[in-house]
Amino acid sequence: MCAAGIRVLVFSFHSPSVTPGFTPYVRDQADLRSFLERIDGFLASFRTELGGRFASPDEVLAAVG
């Protein structure tokens, strides 16, 4: 998406996934640790490798409005 010139990316996940047992993605504490580590890794790569920055929805609207 970045290579195609997309300037706003949205990161989201199904919020019950932060509680073990509520989704098939996070069945126990080990899955939760892995889930959160993957999020941390993705966000770190976004910032360091792509030069991305984080913004609130209001900041995004102000930038494009």
N, C-alpha and C. Protein backbone atom coordinates (compact mmCIF):
# COMPACT_ATOMS: atom_id res chain seq x y z
N MET A 1 0.82 -1.18 0.00
CA MET A 1 0.00 0.00 0.00
C MET A 1 0.87 1.25 0.00
N CYS A 2 1.92 1.24 0.79
CA CYS A 2 2.80 2.41 0.83
C CYS A 2 3.47 2.63 -0.52
N ALA A 3 3.91 1.54 -1.16
CA ALA A 3 4.55 1.66 -2.47
C ALA A 3 3.58 2.21 -3.52
N ALA A 4 2.29 1.99 -3.30
CA ALA A 4 1.27 2.49 -4.23
C ALA A 4 0.87 3.93 -3.91
N GLY A 5 1.48 4.51 -2.87
CA GLY A 5 1.20 5.91 -2.54
C GLY A 5 0.09 6.12 -1.52
N ILE A 6 -0.39 5.05 -0.93
CA ILE A 6 -1.42 5.20 0.10
C ILE A 6 -0.77 5.88 1.30
N ARG A 7 -1.35 6.97 1.77
CA ARG A 7 -0.73 7.76 2.83
C ARG A 7 -1.32 7.54 4.21
N VAL A 8 -2.50 6.93 4.28
CA VAL A 8 -3.12 6.67 5.58
C VAL A 8 -3.41 5.18 5.68
N LEU A 9 -2.82 4.54 6.67
CA LEU A 9 -3.05 3.13 6.93
C LEU A 9 -3.75 3.01 8.27
N VAL A 10 -4.68 2.08 8.37
CA VAL A 10 -5.41 1.87 9.61
C VAL A 10 -5.04 0.51 10.17
N PHE A 11 -4.64 0.48 11.43
CA PHE A 11 -4.33 -0.76 12.11
C PHE A 11 -5.46 -1.04 13.09
N SER A 12 -6.02 -2.22 13.01
CA SER A 12 -7.09 -2.58 13.95
C SER A 12 -7.04 -4.07 14.21
N PHE A 13 -7.71 -4.47 15.28
CA PHE A 13 -7.86 -5.88 15.60
C PHE A 13 -9.15 -6.04 16.38
N HIS A 14 -9.61 -7.26 16.46
CA HIS A 14 -10.85 -7.58 17.15
C HIS A 14 -10.57 -7.50 18.65
N SER A 15 -11.13 -6.53 19.34
CA SER A 15 -10.76 -6.25 20.73
C SER A 15 -10.90 -7.43 21.69
N PRO A 16 -11.83 -8.37 21.52
CA PRO A 16 -11.85 -9.51 22.44
C PRO A 16 -10.57 -10.35 22.39
N SER A 17 -9.75 -10.13 21.38
CA SER A 17 -8.50 -10.89 21.28
C SER A 17 -7.51 -10.57 22.39
N VAL A 18 -7.72 -9.49 23.14
CA VAL A 18 -6.79 -9.20 24.23
C VAL A 18 -7.17 -9.93 25.51
N THR A 19 -8.21 -10.73 25.44
CA THR A 19 -8.61 -11.57 26.58
C THR A 19 -8.54 -13.03 26.15
N PRO A 20 -7.64 -13.80 26.73
CA PRO A 20 -7.52 -15.21 26.34
C PRO A 20 -8.86 -15.95 26.43
N GLY A 21 -9.12 -16.74 25.38
CA GLY A 21 -10.31 -17.57 25.35
C GLY A 21 -11.50 -16.98 24.63
N PHE A 22 -11.45 -15.69 24.29
CA PHE A 22 -12.60 -15.07 23.64
C PHE A 22 -12.58 -15.23 22.12
N THR A 23 -11.41 -15.49 21.55
CA THR A 23 -11.31 -15.70 20.10
C THR A 23 -10.37 -16.88 19.85
N PRO A 24 -10.43 -17.47 18.67
CA PRO A 24 -9.52 -18.57 18.35
C PRO A 24 -8.07 -18.09 18.16
N TYR A 25 -7.85 -16.78 18.08
CA TYR A 25 -6.51 -16.25 17.87
C TYR A 25 -5.72 -16.17 19.17
N VAL A 26 -6.42 -16.03 20.29
CA VAL A 26 -5.78 -15.91 21.60
C VAL A 26 -6.50 -16.86 22.55
N ARG A 27 -5.97 -18.06 22.63
CA ARG A 27 -6.62 -19.09 23.46
C ARG A 27 -6.12 -19.10 24.89
N ASP A 28 -4.88 -18.61 25.12
CA ASP A 28 -4.30 -18.66 26.46
C ASP A 28 -3.27 -17.52 26.60
N GLN A 29 -2.61 -17.46 27.76
CA GLN A 29 -1.65 -16.37 28.01
C GLN A 29 -0.48 -16.40 27.01
N ALA A 30 -0.05 -17.58 26.61
CA ALA A 30 1.05 -17.67 25.64
C ALA A 30 0.62 -17.07 24.30
N ASP A 31 -0.60 -17.37 23.87
CA ASP A 31 -1.13 -16.78 22.63
C ASP A 31 -1.22 -15.26 22.76
N LEU A 32 -1.64 -14.78 23.93
CA LEU A 32 -1.76 -13.33 24.14
C LEU A 32 -0.39 -12.67 24.03
N ARG A 33 0.62 -13.25 24.66
CA ARG A 33 1.98 -12.70 24.55
C ARG A 33 2.42 -12.64 23.09
N SER A 34 2.18 -13.72 22.36
CA SER A 34 2.55 -13.77 20.95
C SER A 34 1.78 -12.73 20.13
N PHE A 35 0.50 -12.61 20.39
CA PHE A 35 -0.36 -11.63 19.70
C PHE A 35 0.18 -10.22 19.92
N LEU A 36 0.46 -9.87 21.17
CA LEU A 36 0.95 -8.53 21.49
C LEU A 36 2.35 -8.30 20.94
N GLU A 37 3.19 -9.33 20.93
CA GLU A 37 4.53 -9.20 20.34
C GLU A 37 4.44 -8.95 18.83
N ARG A 38 3.50 -9.62 18.15
CA ARG A 38 3.32 -9.38 16.72
C ARG A 38 2.87 -7.95 16.45
N ILE A 39 1.96 -7.45 17.29
CA ILE A 39 1.51 -6.05 17.14
C ILE A 39 2.70 -5.12 17.35
N ASP A 40 3.46 -5.31 18.42
CA ASP A 40 4.63 -4.47 18.69
C ASP A 40 5.60 -4.50 17.51
N GLY A 41 5.86 -5.69 16.97
CA GLY A 41 6.78 -5.82 15.84
C GLY A 41 6.28 -5.10 14.61
N PHE A 42 5.00 -5.24 14.32
CA PHE A 42 4.43 -4.56 13.15
C PHE A 42 4.53 -3.05 13.31
N LEU A 43 4.14 -2.55 14.48
CA LEU A 43 4.16 -1.10 14.68
C LEU A 43 5.59 -0.55 14.67
N ALA A 44 6.53 -1.29 15.21
CA ALA A 44 7.93 -0.87 15.17
C ALA A 44 8.44 -0.81 13.74
N SER A 45 8.11 -1.82 12.95
CA SER A 45 8.52 -1.83 11.53
C SER A 45 7.87 -0.68 10.77
N PHE A 46 6.62 -0.43 11.05
CA PHE A 46 5.92 0.68 10.39
C PHE A 46 6.65 1.99 10.65
N ARG A 47 7.05 2.19 11.90
CA ARG A 47 7.71 3.45 12.24
C ARG A 47 9.14 3.50 11.72
N THR A 48 9.93 2.45 11.92
CA THR A 48 11.35 2.51 11.58
C THR A 48 11.63 2.25 10.10
N GLU A 49 11.00 1.25 9.53
CA GLU A 49 11.30 0.88 8.14
C GLU A 49 10.55 1.75 7.13
N LEU A 50 9.33 2.14 7.47
CA LEU A 50 8.53 2.93 6.53
C LEU A 50 8.50 4.41 6.88
N GLY A 51 9.03 4.76 8.05
CA GLY A 51 9.00 6.16 8.46
C GLY A 51 7.60 6.62 8.83
N GLY A 52 6.76 5.68 9.20
CA GLY A 52 5.37 6.02 9.54
C GLY A 52 5.27 6.77 10.85
N ARG A 53 4.19 7.45 11.01
CA ARG A 53 3.91 8.10 12.28
C ARG A 53 2.48 7.78 12.68
N PHE A 54 2.23 7.83 13.96
CA PHE A 54 0.91 7.48 14.49
C PHE A 54 0.09 8.74 14.68
N ALA A 55 -1.20 8.62 14.41
CA ALA A 55 -2.09 9.78 14.54
C ALA A 55 -3.46 9.33 15.01
N SER A 56 -4.13 10.21 15.70
CA SER A 56 -5.51 9.96 16.12
C SER A 56 -6.43 10.19 14.93
N PRO A 57 -7.66 9.69 14.99
CA PRO A 57 -8.61 9.98 13.90
C PRO A 57 -8.79 11.48 13.67
N ASP A 58 -8.83 12.27 14.74
CA ASP A 58 -8.97 13.71 14.59
C ASP A 58 -7.78 14.33 13.85
N GLU A 59 -6.58 13.84 14.14
CA GLU A 59 -5.38 14.35 13.45
C GLU A 59 -5.42 14.01 11.96
N VAL A 60 -5.87 12.82 11.64
CA VAL A 60 -5.98 12.42 10.24
C VAL A 60 -6.99 13.31 9.51
N LEU A 61 -8.14 13.50 10.11
CA LEU A 61 -9.17 14.36 9.50
C LEU A 61 -8.66 15.77 9.29
N ALA A 62 -7.95 16.31 10.26
CA ALA A 62 -7.42 17.67 10.13
C ALA A 62 -6.40 17.75 9.01
N ALA A 63 -5.62 16.70 8.82
CA ALA A 63 -4.57 16.70 7.79
C ALA A 63 -5.15 16.62 6.39
N VAL A 64 -6.26 15.95 6.23
CA VAL A 64 -6.83 15.77 4.88
C VAL A 64 -7.98 16.74 4.60
N GLY A 65 -8.43 17.43 5.62
CA GLY A 65 -9.58 18.33 5.48
C GLY A 65 -9.22 19.67 5.14
